[in-house]
Amino acid sequence: MAQQHAAFLKNPIVISALKQAWQDSHPGVSGGHEEGGFIPRDAAGNMSVDRWPKGAQDTIILPSHPNCKIGGEDIVASFHTHPNTGKDYLQEPSETDRCAVRDDPDLKGAFYEGEFVISQEKIYLIAPNGQVSAIENTRDILR
């Protein structure tokens, strides 16, 4: 893993997409739904965002991404939101989230950093091996 997650969280295209996904997920005590996407990088090193179809309250389905690529570009990260802040919902990545990243053979590209999970207070990173780190305060990144 190249440890470039800090660069993703400074990229204006990525930040704008993360902010929009958070808003689109309708965060609050209940009634929200997960939003997410892939962050691919082209041959010139430019990052973009490819959003996934709208998820449910606490699940989201990834589109096909064979060989850690989307549209012919390397997927360098992915993300999804945890918008429901009520006591019945986890803000940190769940065991299911961790296993989904760890066990997905198509998320093992050489440049894949992991999956960002955006919650009310923190942005977490699930590494390709399933380990979770709280990496930033959400307010500091998505102001």
N, C-alpha and C. Protein backbone atom coordinates (compact mmCIF):
# COMPACT_ATOMS: atom_id res chain seq x y z
N MET A 1 0.85 -1.18 0.00
CA MET A 1 0.00 0.00 0.00
C MET A 1 0.89 1.24 0.00
N ALA A 2 0.54 2.20 -0.82
CA ALA A 2 1.39 3.36 -1.04
C ALA A 2 1.23 4.46 0.02
N GLN A 3 0.25 4.37 0.92
CA GLN A 3 0.03 5.37 1.97
C GLN A 3 -0.16 6.78 1.43
N GLN A 4 -1.03 6.92 0.45
CA GLN A 4 -1.30 8.22 -0.13
C GLN A 4 -2.66 8.77 0.29
N HIS A 5 -3.27 8.16 1.33
CA HIS A 5 -4.63 8.61 1.67
C HIS A 5 -4.69 10.08 2.01
N ALA A 6 -3.63 10.65 2.57
CA ALA A 6 -3.63 12.08 2.87
C ALA A 6 -3.76 12.90 1.59
N ALA A 7 -3.14 12.44 0.50
CA ALA A 7 -3.24 13.16 -0.78
C ALA A 7 -4.67 13.13 -1.31
N PHE A 8 -5.38 12.01 -1.11
CA PHE A 8 -6.77 11.93 -1.55
C PHE A 8 -7.61 12.97 -0.82
N LEU A 9 -7.34 13.13 0.47
CA LEU A 9 -8.15 14.03 1.29
C LEU A 9 -7.74 15.49 1.14
N LYS A 10 -6.83 15.75 0.22
CA LYS A 10 -6.47 17.13 -0.13
C LYS A 10 -6.83 17.44 -1.58
N ASN A 11 -7.23 16.42 -2.32
CA ASN A 11 -7.57 16.60 -3.73
C ASN A 11 -8.96 17.23 -3.84
N PRO A 12 -9.09 18.40 -4.47
CA PRO A 12 -10.39 19.09 -4.51
C PRO A 12 -11.49 18.29 -5.21
N ILE A 13 -11.16 17.49 -6.21
CA ILE A 13 -12.17 16.67 -6.89
C ILE A 13 -12.69 15.60 -5.95
N VAL A 14 -11.78 14.96 -5.22
CA VAL A 14 -12.17 13.92 -4.28
C VAL A 14 -12.96 14.52 -3.13
N ILE A 15 -12.48 15.61 -2.56
CA ILE A 15 -13.18 16.24 -1.42
C ILE A 15 -14.58 16.67 -1.83
N SER A 16 -14.72 17.27 -2.99
CA SER A 16 -16.03 17.68 -3.47
C SER A 16 -16.97 16.49 -3.59
N ALA A 17 -16.47 15.37 -4.11
CA ALA A 17 -17.30 14.17 -4.26
C ALA A 17 -17.66 13.56 -2.92
N LEU A 18 -16.73 13.54 -1.97
CA LEU A 18 -17.02 13.01 -0.64
C LEU A 18 -18.07 13.87 0.06
N LYS A 19 -17.92 15.18 -0.07
CA LYS A 19 -18.89 16.10 0.53
C LYS A 19 -20.28 15.89 -0.08
N GLN A 20 -20.33 15.75 -1.41
CA GLN A 20 -21.62 15.55 -2.08
C GLN A 20 -22.23 14.22 -1.67
N ALA A 21 -21.43 13.17 -1.58
CA ALA A 21 -21.94 11.86 -1.15
C ALA A 21 -22.50 11.95 0.26
N TRP A 22 -21.80 12.66 1.15
CA TRP A 22 -22.28 12.81 2.53
C TRP A 22 -23.63 13.54 2.54
N GLN A 23 -23.73 14.62 1.80
CA GLN A 23 -24.99 15.36 1.73
C GLN A 23 -26.09 14.51 1.10
N ASP A 24 -25.78 13.80 0.02
CA ASP A 24 -26.76 12.96 -0.67
C ASP A 24 -27.28 11.83 0.21
N SER A 25 -26.49 11.42 1.20
CA SER A 25 -26.89 10.30 2.06
C SER A 25 -27.88 10.72 3.15
N HIS A 26 -28.18 12.01 3.26
CA HIS A 26 -29.15 12.55 4.24
C HIS A 26 -28.81 12.14 5.67
N PRO A 27 -27.62 12.57 6.17
CA PRO A 27 -27.21 12.17 7.50
C PRO A 27 -28.16 12.68 8.58
N GLY A 28 -28.29 11.89 9.63
CA GLY A 28 -29.12 12.25 10.77
C GLY A 28 -29.39 11.02 11.62
N VAL A 29 -30.24 11.18 12.61
CA VAL A 29 -30.51 10.09 13.55
C VAL A 29 -31.07 8.86 12.84
N SER A 30 -31.90 9.07 11.83
CA SER A 30 -32.42 7.96 11.04
C SER A 30 -32.85 8.49 9.68
N GLY A 31 -33.18 7.57 8.78
CA GLY A 31 -33.70 7.98 7.48
C GLY A 31 -32.66 8.20 6.41
N GLY A 32 -31.40 8.08 6.76
CA GLY A 32 -30.36 8.24 5.76
C GLY A 32 -30.14 6.94 4.98
N HIS A 33 -29.33 7.03 3.96
CA HIS A 33 -28.96 5.85 3.17
C HIS A 33 -27.49 5.99 2.77
N GLU A 34 -26.84 4.87 2.54
CA GLU A 34 -25.43 4.90 2.18
C GLU A 34 -25.24 5.35 0.74
N GLU A 35 -24.19 6.10 0.54
CA GLU A 35 -23.72 6.53 -0.77
C GLU A 35 -22.25 6.15 -0.84
N GLY A 36 -21.73 5.95 -2.03
CA GLY A 36 -20.32 5.59 -2.15
C GLY A 36 -19.82 5.70 -3.56
N GLY A 37 -18.56 5.28 -3.74
CA GLY A 37 -17.98 5.33 -5.06
C GLY A 37 -16.54 4.84 -5.09
N PHE A 38 -16.02 4.78 -6.29
CA PHE A 38 -14.62 4.45 -6.53
C PHE A 38 -13.86 5.74 -6.83
N ILE A 39 -12.58 5.75 -6.49
CA ILE A 39 -11.69 6.85 -6.85
C ILE A 39 -10.64 6.25 -7.80
N PRO A 40 -10.85 6.39 -9.11
CA PRO A 40 -9.86 5.90 -10.06
C PRO A 40 -8.82 6.98 -10.38
N ARG A 41 -7.67 6.51 -10.89
CA ARG A 41 -6.61 7.42 -11.31
C ARG A 41 -6.21 7.03 -12.72
N ASP A 42 -6.11 8.03 -13.60
CA ASP A 42 -5.74 7.75 -14.98
C ASP A 42 -4.22 7.66 -15.13
N ALA A 43 -3.76 7.38 -16.33
CA ALA A 43 -2.33 7.18 -16.60
C ALA A 43 -1.51 8.44 -16.31
N ALA A 44 -2.14 9.61 -16.38
CA ALA A 44 -1.44 10.87 -16.10
C ALA A 44 -1.43 11.20 -14.60
N GLY A 45 -2.09 10.37 -13.79
CA GLY A 45 -2.11 10.60 -12.35
C GLY A 45 -3.29 11.41 -11.85
N ASN A 46 -4.23 11.73 -12.75
CA ASN A 46 -5.41 12.51 -12.36
C ASN A 46 -6.47 11.62 -11.72
N MET A 47 -6.98 12.05 -10.58
CA MET A 47 -8.03 11.30 -9.90
C MET A 47 -9.40 11.82 -10.31
N SER A 48 -10.35 10.91 -10.30
CA SER A 48 -11.75 11.25 -10.55
C SER A 48 -12.58 10.42 -9.59
N VAL A 49 -13.89 10.56 -9.68
CA VAL A 49 -14.79 9.79 -8.80
C VAL A 49 -15.88 9.16 -9.65
N ASP A 50 -16.12 7.90 -9.41
CA ASP A 50 -17.17 7.14 -10.09
C ASP A 50 -18.15 6.68 -9.02
N ARG A 51 -19.30 7.37 -8.92
CA ARG A 51 -20.26 7.08 -7.85
C ARG A 51 -21.00 5.78 -8.11
N TRP A 52 -21.36 5.09 -7.03
CA TRP A 52 -22.13 3.85 -7.07
C TRP A 52 -23.62 4.18 -7.01
N PRO A 53 -24.46 3.21 -7.37
CA PRO A 53 -25.90 3.41 -7.17
C PRO A 53 -26.22 3.60 -5.69
N LYS A 54 -27.26 4.35 -5.43
CA LYS A 54 -27.73 4.65 -4.07
C LYS A 54 -27.90 3.36 -3.26
N GLY A 55 -27.44 3.40 -2.00
CA GLY A 55 -27.58 2.26 -1.12
C GLY A 55 -28.82 2.35 -0.25
N ALA A 56 -28.90 1.47 0.74
CA ALA A 56 -30.00 1.45 1.70
C ALA A 56 -29.51 2.07 3.01
N GLN A 57 -30.30 1.92 4.07
CA GLN A 57 -29.94 2.53 5.35
C GLN A 57 -28.55 2.13 5.83
N ASP A 58 -28.21 0.87 5.70
CA ASP A 58 -26.92 0.44 6.21
C ASP A 58 -26.23 -0.57 5.30
N THR A 59 -26.50 -0.48 4.00
CA THR A 59 -25.83 -1.33 3.02
C THR A 59 -25.69 -0.58 1.70
N ILE A 60 -24.73 -1.05 0.91
CA ILE A 60 -24.56 -0.51 -0.44
C ILE A 60 -23.91 -1.60 -1.29
N ILE A 61 -24.27 -1.65 -2.55
CA ILE A 61 -23.76 -2.66 -3.47
C ILE A 61 -22.77 -2.00 -4.43
N LEU A 62 -21.59 -2.60 -4.54
CA LEU A 62 -20.57 -2.08 -5.46
C LEU A 62 -20.83 -2.58 -6.87
N PRO A 63 -20.64 -1.72 -7.85
CA PRO A 63 -20.70 -2.20 -9.24
C PRO A 63 -19.47 -3.06 -9.53
N SER A 64 -19.52 -3.76 -10.62
CA SER A 64 -18.41 -4.62 -11.05
C SER A 64 -17.13 -3.79 -11.18
N HIS A 65 -16.02 -4.37 -10.71
CA HIS A 65 -14.73 -3.68 -10.75
C HIS A 65 -13.59 -4.69 -10.93
N PRO A 66 -13.65 -5.47 -12.02
CA PRO A 66 -12.64 -6.53 -12.22
C PRO A 66 -11.22 -5.98 -12.26
N ASN A 67 -10.32 -6.72 -11.62
CA ASN A 67 -8.89 -6.38 -11.60
C ASN A 67 -8.61 -5.01 -11.02
N CYS A 68 -9.49 -4.55 -10.12
CA CYS A 68 -9.32 -3.26 -9.44
C CYS A 68 -9.26 -2.10 -10.45
N LYS A 69 -10.14 -2.20 -11.46
CA LYS A 69 -10.22 -1.16 -12.48
C LYS A 69 -11.68 -0.80 -12.72
N ILE A 70 -11.89 0.44 -13.12
CA ILE A 70 -13.21 0.92 -13.54
C ILE A 70 -12.96 1.82 -14.75
N GLY A 71 -13.65 1.56 -15.83
CA GLY A 71 -13.45 2.35 -17.05
C GLY A 71 -12.01 2.31 -17.54
N GLY A 72 -11.30 1.20 -17.29
CA GLY A 72 -9.92 1.06 -17.74
C GLY A 72 -8.89 1.75 -16.85
N GLU A 73 -9.34 2.42 -15.80
CA GLU A 73 -8.42 3.12 -14.90
C GLU A 73 -8.26 2.36 -13.59
N ASP A 74 -7.08 2.49 -12.98
CA ASP A 74 -6.82 1.86 -11.69
C ASP A 74 -7.68 2.48 -10.60
N ILE A 75 -8.31 1.64 -9.78
CA ILE A 75 -9.02 2.12 -8.60
C ILE A 75 -7.99 2.27 -7.50
N VAL A 76 -7.83 3.49 -7.00
CA VAL A 76 -6.84 3.74 -5.95
C VAL A 76 -7.48 3.81 -4.57
N ALA A 77 -8.80 3.99 -4.52
CA ALA A 77 -9.53 4.00 -3.25
C ALA A 77 -11.01 3.86 -3.56
N SER A 78 -11.76 3.59 -2.51
CA SER A 78 -13.22 3.57 -2.60
C SER A 78 -13.73 4.26 -1.34
N PHE A 79 -15.02 4.53 -1.30
CA PHE A 79 -15.59 5.19 -0.12
C PHE A 79 -17.06 4.87 0.00
N HIS A 80 -17.57 4.97 1.21
CA HIS A 80 -19.01 4.96 1.42
C HIS A 80 -19.33 5.68 2.72
N THR A 81 -20.58 6.08 2.87
CA THR A 81 -21.01 6.86 4.02
C THR A 81 -21.70 5.98 5.06
N HIS A 82 -21.65 6.43 6.30
CA HIS A 82 -22.44 5.87 7.41
C HIS A 82 -23.26 7.04 7.96
N PRO A 83 -24.39 7.36 7.30
CA PRO A 83 -25.11 8.60 7.61
C PRO A 83 -26.04 8.54 8.82
N ASN A 84 -26.45 7.34 9.23
CA ASN A 84 -27.40 7.24 10.34
C ASN A 84 -26.67 7.30 11.66
N THR A 85 -26.99 8.31 12.47
CA THR A 85 -26.26 8.56 13.70
C THR A 85 -26.98 8.05 14.94
N GLY A 86 -28.14 7.43 14.78
CA GLY A 86 -28.89 6.89 15.92
C GLY A 86 -28.16 5.75 16.59
N LYS A 87 -28.59 5.42 17.81
CA LYS A 87 -27.89 4.40 18.61
C LYS A 87 -27.93 3.01 17.99
N ASP A 88 -28.82 2.75 17.06
CA ASP A 88 -28.90 1.44 16.42
C ASP A 88 -27.93 1.28 15.26
N TYR A 89 -27.13 2.31 14.97
CA TYR A 89 -26.23 2.29 13.82
C TYR A 89 -24.79 2.51 14.25
N LEU A 90 -23.87 1.80 13.60
CA LEU A 90 -22.44 1.99 13.83
C LEU A 90 -21.95 3.18 13.02
N GLN A 91 -21.10 3.98 13.62
CA GLN A 91 -20.44 5.03 12.87
C GLN A 91 -19.12 4.51 12.30
N GLU A 92 -18.44 3.69 13.05
CA GLU A 92 -17.19 3.12 12.56
C GLU A 92 -17.51 1.97 11.60
N PRO A 93 -16.54 1.55 10.80
CA PRO A 93 -16.77 0.43 9.88
C PRO A 93 -17.15 -0.84 10.64
N SER A 94 -18.12 -1.54 10.10
CA SER A 94 -18.58 -2.79 10.71
C SER A 94 -17.67 -3.94 10.29
N GLU A 95 -17.87 -5.08 10.92
CA GLU A 95 -17.14 -6.29 10.53
C GLU A 95 -17.46 -6.63 9.07
N THR A 96 -18.71 -6.43 8.67
CA THR A 96 -19.10 -6.67 7.27
C THR A 96 -18.32 -5.75 6.33
N ASP A 97 -18.17 -4.47 6.70
CA ASP A 97 -17.39 -3.53 5.89
C ASP A 97 -15.95 -4.01 5.76
N ARG A 98 -15.38 -4.39 6.88
CA ARG A 98 -13.98 -4.83 6.90
C ARG A 98 -13.78 -6.07 6.02
N CYS A 99 -14.68 -7.04 6.17
CA CYS A 99 -14.58 -8.28 5.38
C CYS A 99 -14.80 -8.01 3.90
N ALA A 100 -15.71 -7.09 3.59
CA ALA A 100 -16.00 -6.79 2.18
C ALA A 100 -14.75 -6.27 1.48
N VAL A 101 -13.98 -5.43 2.15
CA VAL A 101 -12.74 -4.92 1.56
C VAL A 101 -11.67 -6.01 1.56
N ARG A 102 -11.48 -6.63 2.71
CA ARG A 102 -10.42 -7.64 2.85
C ARG A 102 -10.60 -8.83 1.90
N ASP A 103 -11.85 -9.26 1.72
CA ASP A 103 -12.11 -10.50 0.98
C ASP A 103 -12.46 -10.29 -0.49
N ASP A 104 -12.47 -9.06 -0.97
CA ASP A 104 -12.80 -8.78 -2.36
C ASP A 104 -11.53 -8.94 -3.22
N PRO A 105 -11.46 -10.01 -4.03
CA PRO A 105 -10.24 -10.22 -4.83
C PRO A 105 -10.02 -9.13 -5.86
N ASP A 106 -11.06 -8.37 -6.20
CA ASP A 106 -10.92 -7.31 -7.19
C ASP A 106 -10.55 -5.96 -6.56
N LEU A 107 -10.28 -5.96 -5.26
CA LEU A 107 -9.76 -4.76 -4.60
C LEU A 107 -8.34 -5.03 -4.09
N LYS A 108 -7.56 -5.70 -4.91
CA LYS A 108 -6.18 -6.04 -4.54
C LYS A 108 -5.18 -5.45 -5.53
N GLY A 109 -5.56 -4.37 -6.19
CA GLY A 109 -4.64 -3.73 -7.12
C GLY A 109 -3.44 -3.15 -6.39
N ALA A 110 -2.33 -3.03 -7.09
CA ALA A 110 -1.09 -2.54 -6.50
C ALA A 110 -1.22 -1.14 -5.92
N PHE A 111 -2.13 -0.34 -6.47
CA PHE A 111 -2.25 1.05 -6.04
C PHE A 111 -3.44 1.29 -5.11
N TYR A 112 -4.21 0.24 -4.80
CA TYR A 112 -5.42 0.40 -3.98
C TYR A 112 -5.04 0.66 -2.52
N GLU A 113 -5.48 1.82 -2.00
CA GLU A 113 -5.19 2.23 -0.63
C GLU A 113 -6.20 1.69 0.37
N GLY A 114 -7.44 1.49 -0.06
CA GLY A 114 -8.48 1.04 0.85
C GLY A 114 -9.76 1.83 0.67
N GLU A 115 -10.67 1.62 1.62
CA GLU A 115 -11.99 2.25 1.54
C GLU A 115 -12.18 3.24 2.67
N PHE A 116 -12.52 4.47 2.31
CA PHE A 116 -12.86 5.49 3.29
C PHE A 116 -14.31 5.28 3.72
N VAL A 117 -14.56 5.36 5.01
CA VAL A 117 -15.92 5.32 5.55
C VAL A 117 -16.14 6.67 6.23
N ILE A 118 -17.12 7.41 5.72
CA ILE A 118 -17.40 8.76 6.21
C ILE A 118 -18.54 8.68 7.21
N SER A 119 -18.27 9.10 8.44
CA SER A 119 -19.30 9.15 9.47
C SER A 119 -19.44 10.59 9.96
N GLN A 120 -20.36 10.80 10.86
CA GLN A 120 -20.63 12.15 11.38
C GLN A 120 -19.37 12.78 11.98
N GLU A 121 -18.61 12.02 12.76
CA GLU A 121 -17.46 12.57 13.47
C GLU A 121 -16.11 12.27 12.82
N LYS A 122 -15.95 11.09 12.26
CA LYS A 122 -14.64 10.64 11.78
C LYS A 122 -14.71 10.10 10.36
N ILE A 123 -13.58 10.18 9.68
CA ILE A 123 -13.38 9.46 8.43
C ILE A 123 -12.40 8.34 8.76
N TYR A 124 -12.84 7.13 8.46
CA TYR A 124 -12.04 5.93 8.72
C TYR A 124 -11.47 5.42 7.40
N LEU A 125 -10.41 4.64 7.49
CA LEU A 125 -9.86 3.97 6.33
C LEU A 125 -9.77 2.49 6.64
N ILE A 126 -10.41 1.69 5.78
CA ILE A 126 -10.28 0.24 5.86
C ILE A 126 -9.18 -0.13 4.87
N ALA A 127 -8.07 -0.63 5.39
CA ALA A 127 -6.95 -1.03 4.54
C ALA A 127 -7.32 -2.31 3.78
N PRO A 128 -6.63 -2.62 2.70
CA PRO A 128 -6.92 -3.84 1.94
C PRO A 128 -6.89 -5.12 2.78
N ASN A 129 -6.16 -5.10 3.89
CA ASN A 129 -6.10 -6.28 4.76
C ASN A 129 -7.22 -6.29 5.80
N GLY A 130 -8.12 -5.29 5.76
CA GLY A 130 -9.26 -5.23 6.67
C GLY A 130 -9.03 -4.44 7.94
N GLN A 131 -7.82 -3.97 8.18
CA GLN A 131 -7.56 -3.17 9.37
C GLN A 131 -8.15 -1.78 9.20
N VAL A 132 -8.68 -1.24 10.31
CA VAL A 132 -9.35 0.06 10.29
C VAL A 132 -8.55 1.08 11.08
N SER A 133 -8.46 2.28 10.53
CA SER A 133 -7.84 3.42 11.22
C SER A 133 -8.78 4.62 11.12
N ALA A 134 -8.92 5.34 12.22
CA ALA A 134 -9.59 6.64 12.18
C ALA A 134 -8.53 7.62 11.72
N ILE A 135 -8.76 8.26 10.56
CA ILE A 135 -7.68 9.06 10.00
C ILE A 135 -7.90 10.57 10.06
N GLU A 136 -9.14 11.02 10.09
CA GLU A 136 -9.41 12.46 10.12
C GLU A 136 -10.75 12.74 10.79
N ASN A 137 -10.90 13.96 11.28
CA ASN A 137 -12.21 14.42 11.74
C ASN A 137 -13.00 14.85 10.51
N THR A 138 -14.22 14.38 10.40
CA THR A 138 -15.04 14.67 9.22
C THR A 138 -15.17 16.18 9.00
N ARG A 139 -15.43 16.92 10.04
CA ARG A 139 -15.61 18.38 9.90
C ARG A 139 -14.38 19.06 9.33
N ASP A 140 -13.21 18.56 9.66
CA ASP A 140 -11.97 19.18 9.17
C ASP A 140 -11.80 18.98 7.67
N ILE A 141 -12.33 17.89 7.13
CA ILE A 141 -12.17 17.57 5.72
C ILE A 141 -13.35 18.06 4.88
N LEU A 142 -14.57 17.89 5.38
CA LEU A 142 -15.76 18.21 4.58
C LEU A 142 -16.41 19.52 5.00
N ARG A 143 -15.63 20.50 5.37
CA ARG A 143 -16.19 21.78 5.82
C ARG A 143 -17.01 22.46 4.78
